[in-house]
């Protein structure tokens, strides 16, 4: 039995991708051992621009503090 080691991702459909360097193994039967880190990214929600829309509310508009930065903004 031959052992190979590589890092890859498991996609949301549960597919594990074998790197092209191991194409010779395509179609063969294999024993798979998966070592997962203690804390994975998939357990955490990924943030993206606008993801807090509707959650945060602006209580008042305050443009006064921008006066201190006028010389940098022009």
N, C-alpha and C. Protein backbone atom coordinates (compact mmCIF):
# COMPACT_ATOMS: atom_id res chain seq x y z
N UNK A 1 0.85 -1.17 0.00
CA UNK A 1 0.00 0.00 0.00
C UNK A 1 0.90 1.23 0.00
N UNK A 2 0.57 2.21 -0.81
CA UNK A 2 1.32 3.46 -0.92
C UNK A 2 0.58 4.55 -0.16
N UNK A 3 1.31 5.41 0.56
CA UNK A 3 0.70 6.52 1.29
C UNK A 3 1.09 7.83 0.62
N UNK A 4 0.12 8.72 0.44
CA UNK A 4 0.39 10.07 -0.06
C UNK A 4 -0.22 11.05 0.93
N UNK A 5 0.37 12.24 1.01
CA UNK A 5 -0.14 13.25 1.93
C UNK A 5 -0.22 14.58 1.20
N UNK A 6 -1.32 15.30 1.38
CA UNK A 6 -1.50 16.62 0.78
C UNK A 6 -2.59 17.34 1.55
N UNK A 7 -2.63 18.66 1.38
CA UNK A 7 -3.69 19.46 1.98
C UNK A 7 -4.66 19.86 0.89
N UNK A 8 -5.94 19.81 1.21
CA UNK A 8 -6.97 20.20 0.26
C UNK A 8 -8.20 20.66 1.04
N UNK A 9 -9.20 21.12 0.35
CA UNK A 9 -10.44 21.54 0.99
C UNK A 9 -11.54 20.54 0.69
N UNK A 10 -12.49 20.48 1.58
CA UNK A 10 -13.70 19.70 1.36
C UNK A 10 -14.78 20.72 1.00
N UNK A 11 -15.36 20.58 -0.19
CA UNK A 11 -16.34 21.59 -0.61
C UNK A 11 -17.68 21.38 0.09
N UNK A 12 -18.62 22.29 -0.14
CA UNK A 12 -19.90 22.26 0.58
C UNK A 12 -20.73 21.03 0.23
N UNK A 13 -20.38 20.33 -0.84
CA UNK A 13 -21.08 19.10 -1.23
C UNK A 13 -20.36 17.85 -0.72
N UNK A 14 -19.28 18.06 0.06
CA UNK A 14 -18.56 16.93 0.63
C UNK A 14 -17.50 16.34 -0.27
N UNK A 15 -17.20 16.97 -1.39
CA UNK A 15 -16.18 16.44 -2.30
C UNK A 15 -14.79 16.85 -1.84
N UNK A 16 -13.89 15.92 -1.91
CA UNK A 16 -12.48 16.16 -1.59
C UNK A 16 -11.72 16.08 -2.91
N UNK A 17 -10.94 17.09 -3.21
CA UNK A 17 -10.26 17.15 -4.49
C UNK A 17 -8.82 16.66 -4.36
N UNK A 18 -8.46 15.74 -5.25
CA UNK A 18 -7.13 15.18 -5.31
C UNK A 18 -6.30 16.05 -6.25
N UNK A 19 -5.14 16.54 -5.80
CA UNK A 19 -4.31 17.39 -6.68
C UNK A 19 -3.91 16.64 -7.96
N UNK A 20 -3.69 17.39 -9.03
CA UNK A 20 -3.33 16.81 -10.32
C UNK A 20 -2.08 15.94 -10.26
N UNK A 21 -1.19 16.24 -9.32
CA UNK A 21 0.04 15.47 -9.19
C UNK A 21 -0.25 14.00 -8.88
N UNK A 22 -1.45 13.72 -8.40
CA UNK A 22 -1.81 12.35 -8.04
C UNK A 22 -2.85 11.75 -8.99
N UNK A 23 -2.84 12.21 -10.24
CA UNK A 23 -3.81 11.72 -11.23
C UNK A 23 -3.72 10.20 -11.41
N UNK A 24 -2.55 9.64 -11.20
CA UNK A 24 -2.38 8.20 -11.36
C UNK A 24 -3.30 7.41 -10.41
N UNK A 25 -3.81 8.07 -9.36
CA UNK A 25 -4.67 7.40 -8.40
C UNK A 25 -6.15 7.48 -8.77
N UNK A 26 -6.49 8.28 -9.79
CA UNK A 26 -7.90 8.44 -10.18
C UNK A 26 -8.49 7.07 -10.52
N UNK A 27 -9.64 6.79 -9.97
CA UNK A 27 -10.34 5.55 -10.28
C UNK A 27 -9.93 4.37 -9.42
N UNK A 28 -8.90 4.51 -8.61
CA UNK A 28 -8.45 3.42 -7.74
C UNK A 28 -9.20 3.46 -6.41
N UNK A 29 -9.25 2.35 -5.74
CA UNK A 29 -9.85 2.28 -4.41
C UNK A 29 -8.80 2.75 -3.41
N UNK A 30 -9.22 3.57 -2.45
CA UNK A 30 -8.28 4.14 -1.49
C UNK A 30 -8.87 4.11 -0.10
N UNK A 31 -8.01 4.08 0.88
CA UNK A 31 -8.43 4.23 2.28
C UNK A 31 -8.15 5.69 2.63
N UNK A 32 -9.12 6.37 3.18
CA UNK A 32 -9.00 7.79 3.44
C UNK A 32 -9.01 8.07 4.94
N UNK A 33 -8.02 8.80 5.40
CA UNK A 33 -7.97 9.27 6.78
C UNK A 33 -7.99 10.79 6.71
N UNK A 34 -8.97 11.43 7.34
CA UNK A 34 -9.11 12.88 7.29
C UNK A 34 -8.74 13.43 8.65
N UNK A 35 -7.78 14.35 8.68
CA UNK A 35 -7.37 15.03 9.90
C UNK A 35 -7.85 16.46 9.82
N UNK A 36 -8.80 16.82 10.66
CA UNK A 36 -9.35 18.17 10.66
C UNK A 36 -8.75 18.98 11.80
N UNK A 37 -8.49 20.27 11.57
CA UNK A 37 -8.01 21.12 12.67
C UNK A 37 -9.09 21.25 13.74
N UNK A 38 -8.68 21.62 14.95
CA UNK A 38 -9.63 21.76 16.05
C UNK A 38 -10.73 22.75 15.74
N UNK A 39 -10.38 23.86 15.09
CA UNK A 39 -11.35 24.90 14.76
C UNK A 39 -11.28 25.14 13.26
N UNK A 40 -12.37 24.93 12.56
CA UNK A 40 -12.36 25.08 11.11
C UNK A 40 -13.09 26.33 10.67
N UNK A 41 -12.70 26.82 9.51
CA UNK A 41 -13.35 28.01 8.94
C UNK A 41 -14.80 27.73 8.60
N UNK A 42 -15.11 26.50 8.23
CA UNK A 42 -16.46 26.20 7.79
C UNK A 42 -17.48 26.34 8.91
N UNK A 43 -17.05 26.28 10.17
CA UNK A 43 -17.97 26.44 11.28
C UNK A 43 -18.30 27.91 11.54
N UNK A 44 -17.45 28.79 11.03
CA UNK A 44 -17.66 30.21 11.24
C UNK A 44 -18.31 30.80 9.99
N UNK A 45 -19.24 31.74 10.20
CA UNK A 45 -19.84 32.41 9.05
C UNK A 45 -18.82 33.36 8.46
N UNK A 46 -18.68 33.32 7.16
CA UNK A 46 -17.76 34.25 6.49
C UNK A 46 -18.43 35.62 6.37
N UNK A 47 -17.67 36.66 6.67
CA UNK A 47 -18.20 38.01 6.55
C UNK A 47 -17.98 38.53 5.14
N UNK A 48 -18.86 39.35 4.68
CA UNK A 48 -18.73 39.97 3.37
C UNK A 48 -19.31 41.37 3.45
N UNK A 49 -18.90 42.27 2.55
CA UNK A 49 -19.41 43.64 2.59
C UNK A 49 -20.92 43.67 2.54
N UNK A 50 -21.52 44.39 3.46
CA UNK A 50 -22.97 44.53 3.51
C UNK A 50 -23.66 43.46 4.35
N UNK A 51 -22.88 42.57 4.97
CA UNK A 51 -23.52 41.48 5.73
C UNK A 51 -24.21 41.95 7.00
N UNK A 52 -23.92 43.17 7.46
CA UNK A 52 -24.57 43.69 8.67
C UNK A 52 -25.76 44.59 8.32
N UNK A 53 -26.10 44.66 7.04
CA UNK A 53 -27.21 45.52 6.61
C UNK A 53 -28.49 45.10 7.32
N UNK A 54 -29.14 46.05 7.92
CA UNK A 54 -30.37 45.78 8.63
C UNK A 54 -30.16 45.42 10.10
N UNK A 55 -28.92 45.15 10.46
CA UNK A 55 -28.60 44.79 11.85
C UNK A 55 -28.17 46.04 12.63
N UNK A 56 -27.34 46.86 11.99
CA UNK A 56 -26.85 48.09 12.63
C UNK A 56 -27.73 49.26 12.22
N UNK A 57 -27.99 50.14 13.17
CA UNK A 57 -28.80 51.32 12.87
C UNK A 57 -28.03 52.57 13.26
N UNK A 58 -28.06 53.59 12.40
CA UNK A 58 -27.45 54.88 12.69
C UNK A 58 -28.48 55.69 13.45
N UNK A 59 -28.14 56.05 14.68
CA UNK A 59 -29.08 56.79 15.52
C UNK A 59 -29.14 58.26 15.15
N UNK A 60 -28.00 58.82 14.73
CA UNK A 60 -28.00 60.22 14.30
C UNK A 60 -26.83 60.45 13.36
N UNK A 61 -27.03 61.33 12.40
CA UNK A 61 -25.96 61.70 11.48
C UNK A 61 -25.09 62.74 12.18
N UNK A 62 -23.78 62.54 12.15
CA UNK A 62 -22.88 63.46 12.83
C UNK A 62 -21.69 63.75 11.93
N UNK A 63 -21.81 64.83 11.16
CA UNK A 63 -20.73 65.21 10.26
C UNK A 63 -19.77 66.21 10.90
N UNK A 64 -20.08 66.64 12.12
CA UNK A 64 -19.24 67.63 12.80
C UNK A 64 -17.80 67.14 12.96
N UNK A 65 -17.63 65.90 13.31
CA UNK A 65 -16.29 65.39 13.55
C UNK A 65 -15.43 65.39 12.28
N UNK A 66 -16.06 65.48 11.10
CA UNK A 66 -15.31 65.52 9.85
C UNK A 66 -14.60 66.85 9.64
N UNK A 67 -15.02 67.92 10.33
CA UNK A 67 -14.38 69.22 10.21
C UNK A 67 -12.89 69.15 10.57
N UNK A 68 -12.54 68.30 11.47
CA UNK A 68 -11.13 68.15 11.88
C UNK A 68 -10.27 67.59 10.76
N UNK A 69 -10.87 66.95 9.76
CA UNK A 69 -10.11 66.30 8.69
C UNK A 69 -10.24 67.01 7.36
N UNK A 70 -10.80 68.21 7.34
CA UNK A 70 -11.05 68.94 6.09
C UNK A 70 -9.78 69.14 5.27
N UNK A 71 -8.68 69.46 5.95
CA UNK A 71 -7.43 69.72 5.19
C UNK A 71 -6.91 68.45 4.52
N UNK A 72 -7.21 67.28 5.05
CA UNK A 72 -6.78 66.03 4.45
C UNK A 72 -7.72 65.58 3.34
N UNK A 73 -8.97 66.00 3.40
CA UNK A 73 -9.98 65.55 2.46
C UNK A 73 -10.02 66.39 1.17
N UNK A 74 -9.35 67.54 1.14
CA UNK A 74 -9.40 68.37 -0.08
C UNK A 74 -8.22 68.15 -0.97
